[in-house]
Amino acid sequence: MNSKTIFKLLVPFLVLAMLLAACGGGEEPTETAAPEVTEAPEVEAPPEGEPITLQVYVVDYTAGTTDTWLENEVVPAFQEMYPNVNVEFVWGTWSTFGETVAGYFAAGDGPDIINLGSEFNGLYGDQLAPMNQYLGEAA
Protein backbone atom coordinates (compact mmCIF):
# COMPACT_ATOMS: atom_id res chain seq x y z
CA MET A 1 0.00 0.00 0.00
CA ASN A 2 1.53 3.34 -1.02
CA SER A 3 1.10 6.78 0.53
CA LYS A 4 -1.53 7.70 -2.08
CA THR A 5 -3.63 4.76 -0.91
CA ILE A 6 -3.33 5.90 2.72
CA PHE A 7 -4.51 9.38 1.73
CA LYS A 8 -7.43 7.84 -0.16
CA LEU A 9 -8.39 5.99 3.01
CA LEU A 10 -8.29 9.24 4.95
CA VAL A 11 -10.60 11.10 2.55
CA PRO A 12 -13.95 9.64 3.78
CA PHE A 13 -13.05 10.45 7.37
CA LEU A 14 -11.77 13.92 6.48
CA VAL A 15 -15.08 14.65 4.78
CA LEU A 16 -16.89 13.39 7.87
CA ALA A 17 -14.69 15.51 10.12
CA MET A 18 -15.43 18.58 8.02
CA LEU A 19 -19.15 17.90 8.27
CA LEU A 20 -18.94 17.51 12.04
CA ALA A 21 -16.88 20.67 12.36
CA ALA A 22 -19.47 22.59 10.37
CA CYS A 23 -22.09 21.70 12.98
CA GLY A 24 -20.32 23.87 15.58
CA GLY A 25 -21.24 23.89 19.24
CA GLY A 26 -19.55 23.84 22.60
CA GLU A 27 -17.17 26.40 23.98
CA GLU A 28 -15.08 28.60 21.75
CA PRO A 29 -11.58 27.13 21.61
CA THR A 30 -8.69 29.35 22.59
CA GLU A 31 -5.96 29.89 20.05
CA THR A 32 -2.47 28.70 20.85
CA ALA A 33 0.61 29.61 18.85
CA ALA A 34 1.46 26.81 16.45
CA PRO A 35 5.00 25.52 16.22
CA GLU A 36 6.71 26.08 12.87
CA VAL A 37 7.00 23.03 10.64
CA THR A 38 9.38 23.08 7.70
CA GLU A 39 8.29 19.92 5.88
CA ALA A 40 5.84 17.05 6.23
CA PRO A 41 7.18 13.81 7.71
CA GLU A 42 7.60 10.80 5.44
CA VAL A 43 4.84 8.21 5.80
CA GLU A 44 5.74 4.61 5.19
CA ALA A 45 2.78 2.63 3.91
CA PRO A 46 2.19 -0.87 5.26
CA PRO A 47 2.27 -3.81 2.84
CA GLU A 48 -0.95 -4.42 0.90
CA GLY A 49 -3.60 -6.03 3.10
CA GLU A 50 -1.67 -5.56 6.36
CA PRO A 51 -3.98 -4.35 9.12
CA ILE A 52 -3.63 -0.65 9.90
CA THR A 53 -5.40 1.63 12.35
CA LEU A 54 -6.57 5.18 11.71
CA GLN A 55 -6.99 7.30 14.82
CA VAL A 56 -9.65 10.01 14.61
CA TYR A 57 -9.85 12.80 17.21
CA VAL A 58 -13.47 14.02 17.42
CA VAL A 59 -14.74 16.86 19.61
CA ASP A 60 -17.94 17.94 17.91
CA TYR A 61 -20.27 15.05 18.73
CA THR A 62 -23.32 14.24 20.80
CA ALA A 63 -22.69 11.41 23.26
CA GLY A 64 -25.07 8.54 22.66
CA THR A 65 -26.01 9.84 19.20
CA THR A 66 -23.16 10.96 16.96
CA ASP A 67 -20.63 8.62 18.53
CA THR A 68 -23.02 5.68 18.18
CA TRP A 69 -23.70 6.57 14.54
CA LEU A 70 -19.97 6.82 13.77
CA GLU A 71 -19.14 3.54 15.49
CA ASN A 72 -22.19 1.52 14.35
CA GLU A 73 -22.83 2.85 10.85
CA VAL A 74 -19.97 4.89 9.40
CA VAL A 75 -17.09 2.66 10.49
CA PRO A 76 -18.72 -0.63 9.37
CA ALA A 77 -19.54 0.91 5.97
CA PHE A 78 -15.96 2.16 5.67
CA GLN A 79 -14.58 -1.25 6.68
CA GLU A 80 -16.64 -2.95 3.97
CA MET A 81 -14.60 -0.91 1.49
CA TYR A 82 -11.30 -1.24 3.41
CA PRO A 83 -11.47 -4.43 5.53
CA ASN A 84 -7.85 -4.17 6.69
CA VAL A 85 -8.35 -0.68 8.17
CA ASN A 86 -9.45 -0.33 11.78
CA VAL A 87 -10.78 2.99 13.07
CA GLU A 88 -10.08 4.12 16.61
CA PHE A 89 -11.81 7.23 17.95
CA VAL A 90 -10.31 9.61 20.48
CA TRP A 91 -13.27 11.49 22.01
CA GLY A 92 -12.30 15.00 23.08
CA THR A 93 -14.00 18.10 24.46
CA TRP A 94 -13.92 21.75 23.48
CA SER A 95 -12.72 22.66 26.98
CA THR A 96 -9.38 20.87 26.39
CA PHE A 97 -9.31 21.07 22.59
CA GLY A 98 -6.78 23.90 22.21
CA GLU A 99 -4.20 22.39 24.53
CA THR A 100 -4.70 18.87 23.20
CA VAL A 101 -4.32 19.80 19.53
CA ALA A 102 -1.40 22.16 20.22
CA GLY A 103 0.27 19.27 22.05
CA TYR A 104 -0.23 16.95 19.08
CA PHE A 105 1.38 19.43 16.71
CA ALA A 106 4.20 20.34 19.11
CA ALA A 107 5.05 16.66 19.58
CA GLY A 108 4.67 15.89 15.88
CA ASP A 109 2.44 13.02 16.89
CA GLY A 110 -1.26 12.49 17.29
CA PRO A 111 -4.30 11.05 15.56
CA ASP A 112 -4.35 10.66 11.80
CA ILE A 113 -7.47 12.84 11.56
CA ILE A 114 -8.31 15.77 13.85
CA ASN A 115 -11.80 17.31 13.93
CA LEU A 116 -10.78 20.93 13.26
CA GLY A 117 -13.14 23.78 12.52
CA SER A 118 -12.37 26.13 9.63
CA GLU A 119 -11.38 28.81 12.15
CA PHE A 120 -8.18 26.82 12.71
CA ASN A 121 -7.07 26.94 9.06
CA GLY A 122 -4.85 29.95 9.72
CA LEU A 123 -3.33 28.41 12.83
CA TYR A 124 -2.69 24.85 11.60
CA GLY A 125 -3.38 24.89 7.85
CA ASP A 126 0.26 24.85 6.78
CA GLN A 127 0.88 21.77 8.95
CA LEU A 128 -1.94 19.64 7.51
CA ALA A 129 -1.58 17.16 4.69
CA PRO A 130 -2.78 18.63 1.37
CA MET A 131 -5.88 16.69 0.35
CA ASN A 132 -7.18 18.65 -2.65
CA GLN A 133 -5.94 16.14 -5.22
CA TYR A 134 -7.88 13.37 -3.42
CA LEU A 135 -11.10 15.29 -2.78
CA GLY A 136 -11.75 16.35 -6.37
CA GLU A 137 -12.72 19.70 -7.84
CA ALA A 138 -16.05 19.93 -6.00
CA ALA A 139 -14.21 20.22 -2.66
C-alpha atoms as a PDB file:
ATOM      1  CA  MET A   1       0.000   0.000   0.000  1.00  0.00           C
ATOM      2  CA  ASN A   2       1.527   3.337  -1.019  1.00  0.00           C
ATOM      3  CA  SER A   3       1.097   6.781   0.535  1.00  0.00           C
ATOM      4  CA  LYS A   4      -1.533   7.699  -2.079  1.00  0.00           C
ATOM      5  CA  THR A   5      -3.628   4.762  -0.908  1.00  0.00           C
ATOM      6  CA  ILE A   6      -3.330   5.895   2.717  1.00  0.00           C
ATOM      7  CA  PHE A   7      -4.507   9.375   1.733  1.00  0.00           C
ATOM      8  CA  LYS A   8      -7.431   7.840  -0.161  1.00  0.00           C
ATOM      9  CA  LEU A   9      -8.387   5.989   3.014  1.00  0.00           C
ATOM     10  CA  LEU A  10      -8.295   9.243   4.954  1.00  0.00           C
ATOM     11  CA  VAL A  11     -10.602  11.098   2.554  1.00  0.00           C
ATOM     12  CA  PRO A  12     -13.947   9.641   3.776  1.00  0.00           C
ATOM     13  CA  PHE A  13     -13.052  10.451   7.365  1.00  0.00           C
ATOM     14  CA  LEU A  14     -11.773  13.917   6.478  1.00  0.00           C
ATOM     15  CA  VAL A  15     -15.079  14.655   4.775  1.00  0.00           C
ATOM     16  CA  LEU A  16     -16.891  13.385   7.865  1.00  0.00           C
ATOM     17  CA  ALA A  17     -14.688  15.505  10.117  1.00  0.00           C
ATOM     18  CA  MET A  18     -15.427  18.578   8.018  1.00  0.00           C
ATOM     19  CA  LEU A  19     -19.155  17.901   8.273  1.00  0.00           C
ATOM     20  CA  LEU A  20     -18.938  17.510  12.035  1.00  0.00           C
ATOM     21  CA  ALA A  21     -16.876  20.671  12.359  1.00  0.00           C
ATOM     22  CA  ALA A  22     -19.472  22.591  10.370  1.00  0.00           C
ATOM     23  CA  CYS A  23     -22.093  21.697  12.984  1.00  0.00           C
ATOM     24  CA  GLY A  24     -20.316  23.873  15.584  1.00  0.00           C
ATOM     25  CA  GLY A  25     -21.243  23.889  19.241  1.00  0.00           C
ATOM     26  CA  GLY A  26     -19.551  23.836  22.599  1.00  0.00           C
ATOM     27  CA  GLU A  27     -17.170  26.402  23.979  1.00  0.00           C
ATOM     28  CA  GLU A  28     -15.079  28.601  21.754  1.00  0.00           C
ATOM     29  CA  PRO A  29     -11.584  27.134  21.608  1.00  0.00           C
ATOM     30  CA  THR A  30      -8.692  29.349  22.593  1.00  0.00           C
ATOM     31  CA  GLU A  31      -5.963  29.888  20.046  1.00  0.00           C
ATOM     32  CA  THR A  32      -2.472  28.705  20.847  1.00  0.00           C
ATOM     33  CA  ALA A  33       0.607  29.611  18.847  1.00  0.00           C
ATOM     34  CA  ALA A  34       1.461  26.808  16.448  1.00  0.00           C
ATOM     35  CA  PRO A  35       5.001  25.519  16.220  1.00  0.00           C
ATOM     36  CA  GLU A  36       6.712  26.080  12.874  1.00  0.00           C
ATOM     37  CA  VAL A  37       7.000  23.029  10.638  1.00  0.00           C
ATOM     38  CA  THR A  38       9.382  23.081   7.703  1.00  0.00           C
ATOM     39  CA  GLU A  39       8.292  19.916   5.882  1.00  0.00           C
ATOM     40  CA  ALA A  40       5.845  17.054   6.226  1.00  0.00           C
ATOM     41  CA  PRO A  41       7.177  13.813   7.705  1.00  0.00           C
ATOM     42  CA  GLU A  42       7.597  10.796   5.443  1.00  0.00           C
ATOM     43  CA  VAL A  43       4.836   8.209   5.798  1.00  0.00           C
ATOM     44  CA  GLU A  44       5.737   4.608   5.192  1.00  0.00           C
ATOM     45  CA  ALA A  45       2.781   2.628   3.913  1.00  0.00           C
ATOM     46  CA  PRO A  46       2.188  -0.872   5.264  1.00  0.00           C
ATOM     47  CA  PRO A  47       2.274  -3.813   2.842  1.00  0.00           C
ATOM     48  CA  GLU A  48      -0.955  -4.421   0.903  1.00  0.00           C
ATOM     49  CA  GLY A  49      -3.601  -6.026   3.101  1.00  0.00           C
ATOM     50  CA  GLU A  50      -1.674  -5.563   6.355  1.00  0.00           C
ATOM     51  CA  PRO A  51      -3.978  -4.346   9.120  1.00  0.00           C
ATOM     52  CA  ILE A  52      -3.631  -0.653   9.898  1.00  0.00           C
ATOM     53  CA  THR A  53      -5.403   1.632  12.346  1.00  0.00           C
ATOM     54  CA  LEU A  54      -6.568   5.182  11.708  1.00  0.00           C
ATOM     55  CA  GLN A  55      -6.987   7.303  14.817  1.00  0.00           C
ATOM     56  CA  VAL A  56      -9.649  10.008  14.612  1.00  0.00           C
ATOM     57  CA  TYR A  57      -9.853  12.803  17.212  1.00  0.00           C
ATOM     58  CA  VAL A  58     -13.468  14.017  17.425  1.00  0.00           C
ATOM     59  CA  VAL A  59     -14.739  16.860  19.611  1.00  0.00           C
ATOM     60  CA  ASP A  60     -17.944  17.938  17.910  1.00  0.00           C
ATOM     61  CA  TYR A  61     -20.266  15.054  18.725  1.00  0.00           C
ATOM     62  CA  THR A  62     -23.317  14.245  20.804  1.00  0.00           C
ATOM     63  CA  ALA A  63     -22.692  11.408  23.264  1.00  0.00           C
ATOM     64  CA  GLY A  64     -25.073   8.535  22.659  1.00  0.00           C
ATOM     65  CA  THR A  65     -26.008   9.837  19.198  1.00  0.00           C
ATOM     66  CA  THR A  66     -23.158  10.960  16.959  1.00  0.00           C
ATOM     67  CA  ASP A  67     -20.628   8.620  18.531  1.00  0.00           C
ATOM     68  CA  THR A  68     -23.020   5.681  18.183  1.00  0.00           C
ATOM     69  CA  TRP A  69     -23.705   6.573  14.540  1.00  0.00           C
ATOM     70  CA  LEU A  70     -19.972   6.817  13.770  1.00  0.00           C
ATOM     71  CA  GLU A  71     -19.140   3.539  15.491  1.00  0.00           C
ATOM     72  CA  ASN A  72     -22.186   1.521  14.354  1.00  0.00           C
ATOM     73  CA  GLU A  73     -22.829   2.846  10.851  1.00  0.00           C
ATOM     74  CA  VAL A  74     -19.966   4.894   9.404  1.00  0.00           C
ATOM     75  CA  VAL A  75     -17.088   2.657  10.486  1.00  0.00           C
ATOM     76  CA  PRO A  76     -18.719  -0.633   9.374  1.00  0.00           C
ATOM     77  CA  ALA A  77     -19.541   0.908   5.965  1.00  0.00           C
ATOM     78  CA  PHE A  78     -15.955   2.159   5.674  1.00  0.00           C
ATOM     79  CA  GLN A  79     -14.584  -1.248   6.682  1.00  0.00           C
ATOM     80  CA  GLU A  80     -16.635  -2.950   3.966  1.00  0.00           C
ATOM     81  CA  MET A  81     -14.602  -0.911   1.493  1.00  0.00           C
ATOM     82  CA  TYR A  82     -11.304  -1.242   3.405  1.00  0.00           C
ATOM     83  CA  PRO A  83     -11.465  -4.428   5.527  1.00  0.00           C
ATOM     84  CA  ASN A  84      -7.845  -4.167   6.689  1.00  0.00           C
ATOM     85  CA  VAL A  85      -8.354  -0.675   8.165  1.00  0.00           C
ATOM     86  CA  ASN A  86      -9.449  -0.329  11.784  1.00  0.00           C
ATOM     87  CA  VAL A  87     -10.783   2.989  13.074  1.00  0.00           C
ATOM     88  CA  GLU A  88     -10.085   4.123  16.608  1.00  0.00           C
ATOM     89  CA  PHE A  89     -11.814   7.229  17.948  1.00  0.00           C
ATOM     90  CA  VAL A  90     -10.308   9.609  20.481  1.00  0.00           C
ATOM     91  CA  TRP A  91     -13.267  11.486  22.011  1.00  0.00           C
ATOM     92  CA  GLY A  92     -12.301  15.005  23.080  1.00  0.00           C
ATOM     93  CA  THR A  93     -14.002  18.096  24.464  1.00  0.00           C
ATOM     94  CA  TRP A  94     -13.919  21.748  23.479  1.00  0.00           C
ATOM     95  CA  SER A  95     -12.718  22.659  26.982  1.00  0.00           C
ATOM     96  CA  THR A  96      -9.378  20.870  26.390  1.00  0.00           C
ATOM     97  CA  PHE A  97      -9.309  21.066  22.590  1.00  0.00           C
ATOM     98  CA  GLY A  98      -6.781  23.904  22.213  1.00  0.00           C
ATOM     99  CA  GLU A  99      -4.205  22.393  24.533  1.00  0.00           C
ATOM    100  CA  THR A 100      -4.699  18.875  23.196  1.00  0.00           C
ATOM    101  CA  VAL A 101      -4.319  19.802  19.531  1.00  0.00           C
ATOM    102  CA  ALA A 102      -1.403  22.161  20.218  1.00  0.00           C
ATOM    103  CA  GLY A 103       0.274  19.273  22.049  1.00  0.00           C
ATOM    104  CA  TYR A 104      -0.233  16.952  19.084  1.00  0.00           C
ATOM    105  CA  PHE A 105       1.381  19.433  16.712  1.00  0.00           C
ATOM    106  CA  ALA A 106       4.199  20.341  19.110  1.00  0.00           C
ATOM    107  CA  ALA A 107       5.047  16.659  19.578  1.00  0.00           C
ATOM    108  CA  GLY A 108       4.675  15.894  15.876  1.00  0.00           C
ATOM    109  CA  ASP A 109       2.441  13.015  16.886  1.00  0.00           C
ATOM    110  CA  GLY A 110      -1.256  12.491  17.293  1.00  0.00           C
ATOM    111  CA  PRO A 111      -4.300  11.050  15.562  1.00  0.00           C
ATOM    112  CA  ASP A 112      -4.353  10.664  11.798  1.00  0.00           C
ATOM    113  CA  ILE A 113      -7.465  12.841  11.564  1.00  0.00           C
ATOM    114  CA  ILE A 114      -8.313  15.765  13.848  1.00  0.00           C
ATOM    115  CA  ASN A 115     -11.801  17.307  13.934  1.00  0.00           C
ATOM    116  CA  LEU A 116     -10.778  20.935  13.261  1.00  0.00           C
ATOM    117  CA  GLY A 117     -13.145  23.784  12.521  1.00  0.00           C
ATOM    118  CA  SER A 118     -12.369  26.131   9.631  1.00  0.00           C
ATOM    119  CA  GLU A 119     -11.382  28.810  12.152  1.00  0.00           C
ATOM    120  CA  PHE A 120      -8.184  26.815  12.713  1.00  0.00           C
ATOM    121  CA  ASN A 121      -7.072  26.945   9.055  1.00  0.00           C
ATOM    122  CA  GLY A 122      -4.853  29.951   9.721  1.00  0.00           C
ATOM    123  CA  LEU A 123      -3.332  28.406  12.827  1.00  0.00           C
ATOM    124  CA  TYR A 124      -2.689  24.854  11.600  1.00  0.00           C
ATOM    125  CA  GLY A 125      -3.377  24.894   7.850  1.00  0.00           C
ATOM    126  CA  ASP A 126       0.263  24.848   6.777  1.00  0.00           C
ATOM    127  CA  GLN A 127       0.876  21.773   8.951  1.00  0.00           C
ATOM    128  CA  LEU A 128      -1.943  19.645   7.513  1.00  0.00           C
ATOM    129  CA  ALA A 129      -1.578  17.159   4.685  1.00  0.00           C
ATOM    130  CA  PRO A 130      -2.782  18.629   1.375  1.00  0.00           C
ATOM    131  CA  MET A 131      -5.878  16.688   0.346  1.00  0.00           C
ATOM    132  CA  ASN A 132      -7.184  18.652  -2.652  1.00  0.00           C
ATOM    133  CA  GLN A 133      -5.942  16.139  -5.223  1.00  0.00           C
ATOM    134  CA  TYR A 134      -7.879  13.370  -3.417  1.00  0.00           C
ATOM    135  CA  LEU A 135     -11.104  15.286  -2.776  1.00  0.00           C
ATOM    136  CA  GLY A 136     -11.751  16.350  -6.365  1.00  0.00           C
ATOM    137  CA  GLU A 137     -12.717  19.703  -7.841  1.00  0.00           C
ATOM    138  CA  ALA A 138     -16.045  19.934  -6.001  1.00  0.00           C
ATOM    139  CA  ALA A 139     -14.212  20.222  -2.665  1.00  0.00           C
END
